[in-house]
Protein backbone atom coordinates (compact mmCIF):
# COMPACT_ATOMS: atom_id res chain seq x y z
CA MET A 1 55.26 -13.42 -21.28
CA ASN A 2 55.71 -14.11 -24.96
CA THR A 3 53.32 -13.80 -27.86
CA THR A 4 51.92 -17.28 -27.25
CA GLU A 5 50.94 -16.41 -23.66
CA PHE A 6 48.41 -13.74 -24.52
CA ASP A 7 45.80 -13.11 -27.14
CA PRO A 8 45.69 -9.45 -28.20
CA THR A 9 42.30 -10.02 -29.84
CA ALA A 10 40.80 -10.82 -26.41
CA LEU A 11 41.92 -7.54 -24.81
CA PRO A 12 39.63 -4.54 -24.54
CA LEU A 13 40.94 -1.56 -26.51
CA ASP A 14 42.07 0.43 -23.47
CA GLU A 15 43.99 -2.57 -22.08
CA LEU A 16 45.52 -3.23 -25.49
CA ARG A 17 46.82 0.35 -25.68
CA ALA A 18 48.01 0.33 -22.07
CA LEU A 19 49.87 -2.97 -22.46
CA ARG A 20 51.54 -1.77 -25.65
CA ALA A 21 52.63 1.46 -23.94
CA GLN A 22 53.96 -0.52 -20.96
CA LEU A 23 55.95 -2.85 -23.21
CA GLN A 24 57.30 0.10 -25.24
CA HIS A 25 58.47 1.71 -22.01
CA GLU A 26 60.20 -1.52 -20.98
CA ASP A 27 61.80 -1.77 -24.43
CA ASP A 28 63.11 1.77 -24.02
CA ALA A 29 64.78 0.77 -20.74
CA VAL A 30 66.25 -2.44 -22.15
CA SER A 31 67.48 -0.56 -25.22
CA TYR A 32 69.14 2.10 -23.05
CA VAL A 33 70.96 -0.51 -20.97
CA ARG A 34 71.92 -2.48 -24.06
CA ARG A 35 73.54 0.61 -25.59
CA LEU A 36 75.46 1.18 -22.36
CA VAL A 37 76.78 -2.38 -22.27
CA GLN A 38 77.73 -2.20 -25.94
CA ALA A 39 79.71 1.00 -25.28
CA ARG A 40 81.47 -0.67 -22.35
CA LEU A 41 82.23 -3.68 -24.54
CA ASP A 42 83.70 -1.41 -27.20
CA LEU A 43 85.89 0.30 -24.60
CA ALA A 44 87.16 -3.01 -23.21
CA ARG A 45 87.81 -4.36 -26.71
CA ALA A 46 89.70 -1.17 -27.59
CA GLU A 47 91.92 -1.76 -24.55
CA LEU A 48 92.48 -5.34 -25.70
CA ARG A 49 93.39 -4.14 -29.23
CA HIS A 50 95.92 -1.67 -27.83
CA ARG A 51 97.57 -4.46 -25.90
CA ALA A 52 97.54 -6.84 -28.87
CA VAL A 53 99.53 -4.40 -31.01
CA GLY A 54 101.98 -3.68 -28.21
CA ASP A 55 100.46 -0.30 -27.43
CA ALA A 56 99.67 -1.14 -23.81
CA ASP A 57 101.14 2.13 -22.53
CA ALA A 58 98.74 4.21 -24.64
CA ASN A 59 95.25 4.84 -23.38
CA ILE A 60 92.00 4.55 -25.31
CA THR A 61 90.77 8.09 -24.72
CA GLY A 62 91.33 8.93 -28.38
CA GLU A 63 88.71 6.34 -29.32
CA LEU A 64 86.09 7.59 -26.87
CA PRO A 65 84.25 9.98 -29.25
CA ALA A 66 83.78 7.27 -31.89
CA ILE A 67 82.81 4.59 -29.38
CA LEU A 68 80.34 6.73 -27.48
CA SER A 69 78.77 8.28 -30.55
CA SER A 70 78.22 4.92 -32.22
CA GLN A 71 76.60 3.28 -29.18
CA LEU A 72 74.96 5.99 -27.16
CA THR A 73 73.62 8.21 -29.90
CA GLY A 74 73.12 5.69 -32.69
CA GLY A 75 69.72 5.65 -34.34
CA PRO A 76 67.19 3.16 -32.97
CA ALA A 77 65.64 0.53 -35.19
CA ARG A 78 62.21 1.66 -34.01
CA PRO A 79 60.66 5.12 -34.14
CA PRO A 80 61.93 7.22 -31.24
CA ARG A 81 59.77 7.94 -28.24
CA PRO A 82 60.39 10.56 -25.57
CA ALA A 83 63.51 9.63 -23.64
CA ASP A 84 63.32 8.95 -19.94
CA ASP A 85 66.17 8.56 -17.49
CA TYR A 86 66.69 4.83 -17.06
CA SER A 87 69.87 5.08 -15.00
CA HIS A 88 68.02 3.78 -11.93
CA HIS A 89 66.29 0.93 -13.76
CA PRO A 90 67.10 -2.50 -12.26
CA LEU A 91 68.91 -3.52 -15.46
CA ALA A 92 71.09 -0.41 -15.36
CA GLN A 93 71.86 -1.11 -11.73
CA ALA A 94 72.74 -4.74 -12.58
CA LEU A 95 75.12 -3.51 -15.28
CA GLU A 96 76.76 -1.08 -12.88
CA GLU A 97 77.20 -3.88 -10.34
CA LEU A 98 78.71 -6.17 -12.96
CA CYS A 99 81.17 -3.44 -13.98
CA SER A 100 82.00 -2.50 -10.41
CA ASP A 101 82.66 -6.13 -9.46
CA ALA A 102 85.05 -6.43 -12.43
CA GLY A 103 86.90 -3.23 -11.54
CA SER A 104 86.12 -1.70 -14.90
CA SER A 105 86.93 1.84 -13.83
CA ASP A 106 90.56 1.12 -14.68
CA LEU A 107 90.75 -1.12 -17.74
CA ALA A 108 94.47 -0.49 -18.16
CA SER A 109 95.25 -2.05 -14.79
CA MET A 110 93.35 -5.27 -15.53
CA SER A 111 95.32 -8.38 -16.38
CA LEU A 112 94.60 -10.01 -19.73
CA ASP A 113 92.61 -12.71 -17.93
CA GLU A 114 90.59 -10.11 -16.01
CA LEU A 115 89.94 -8.12 -19.16
CA GLY A 116 88.90 -11.26 -21.03
CA GLY A 117 86.57 -12.26 -18.21
CA TYR A 118 85.09 -8.77 -18.11
CA ILE A 119 84.47 -8.83 -21.87
CA ALA A 120 82.85 -12.28 -21.60
CA SER A 121 80.58 -11.08 -18.77
CA LEU A 122 79.56 -7.99 -20.72
CA HIS A 123 78.91 -10.06 -23.83
CA GLU A 124 76.68 -12.45 -21.88
CA PHE A 125 74.81 -9.53 -20.31
CA GLU A 126 74.34 -7.91 -23.74
CA GLN A 127 73.08 -11.16 -25.28
CA ALA A 128 70.47 -11.49 -22.52
CA ARG A 129 69.28 -7.92 -23.21
CA SER A 130 69.14 -8.67 -26.96
CA SER A 131 66.96 -11.69 -26.25
CA GLU A 132 64.68 -9.58 -24.06
CA ARG A 133 64.33 -6.98 -26.80
CA LYS A 134 63.48 -9.64 -29.39
CA ASP A 135 60.71 -10.93 -27.13
CA LEU A 136 59.47 -7.40 -26.47
CA PHE A 137 59.44 -6.61 -30.21
CA GLY A 138 57.31 -9.67 -30.88
CA ARG A 139 54.79 -8.73 -28.22
CA ILE A 140 54.69 -5.05 -29.22
CA ASP A 141 54.29 -5.98 -32.88
CA ALA A 142 51.41 -8.34 -32.07
CA LEU A 143 49.63 -5.63 -30.07
CA SER A 144 50.27 -3.01 -32.76
CA ALA A 145 48.96 -5.33 -35.46
CA GLU A 146 45.79 -5.88 -33.45
CA LEU A 147 45.34 -2.13 -33.01
CA VAL A 148 45.79 -1.56 -36.75
CA ARG A 149 43.33 -4.34 -37.52
CA ARG A 150 40.71 -2.84 -35.22
CA TYR A 151 41.05 0.60 -36.80
CA ARG A 152 41.07 -0.84 -40.32
CA ASP A 153 38.02 -3.03 -39.67
CA GLY A 154 36.11 -0.26 -37.90
CA GLU A 155 36.12 -1.98 -34.49
CA ALA A 156 37.91 1.00 -32.99
CA ASP A 157 37.11 4.61 -33.73
CA VAL A 158 39.93 6.94 -34.67
CA GLU A 159 37.97 9.76 -33.02
CA GLY A 160 38.21 7.82 -29.75
CA LEU A 161 41.96 7.60 -30.17
CA LEU A 162 42.19 11.35 -30.66
CA ALA A 163 39.96 11.94 -27.63
CA ASP A 164 42.16 9.60 -25.56
CA ASP A 165 45.26 11.54 -26.64
CA ASP A 166 43.58 14.81 -25.64
CA ASP A 167 42.71 13.34 -22.24
CA ASP A 168 46.33 12.27 -21.75
CA THR A 169 47.63 15.77 -22.33
CA THR A 170 45.32 17.36 -19.79
CA ASP A 171 46.31 15.05 -16.92
């Protein structure tokens, strides 16, 4: 679904909030998997750099702290929400399968062709996740804008929002 396939103005307030929350949750999962694939890409590219400079006997473990900190703990473009474990999400499983099929557990033993193919596969996977996130952002932004409009125009009561939040915490 993209922003042209639904009309946020036609949704009742509770459905509008629920759909936005659902899409935010999906964005969190896609973002998690995207960071994982970017870290794997960085590791594979580091291996390729070592080989290019004739340092094929050295391993990339010295670069791990920088690679992992930049991809896995980097600040999100959106406000953070509570983190869930997305390691069993279908996208995370698809990434693990892609990596397993490529034999990525031992980058140093890959041929240049295998490493290049692995990098290309990871890049394609990452680009697909980026496209998904862009679509999700558009849909979330449209729903958020409609929520803001309703509060601003008095169609939705802020007191109702606070009551809804209180109900959520007692469940």
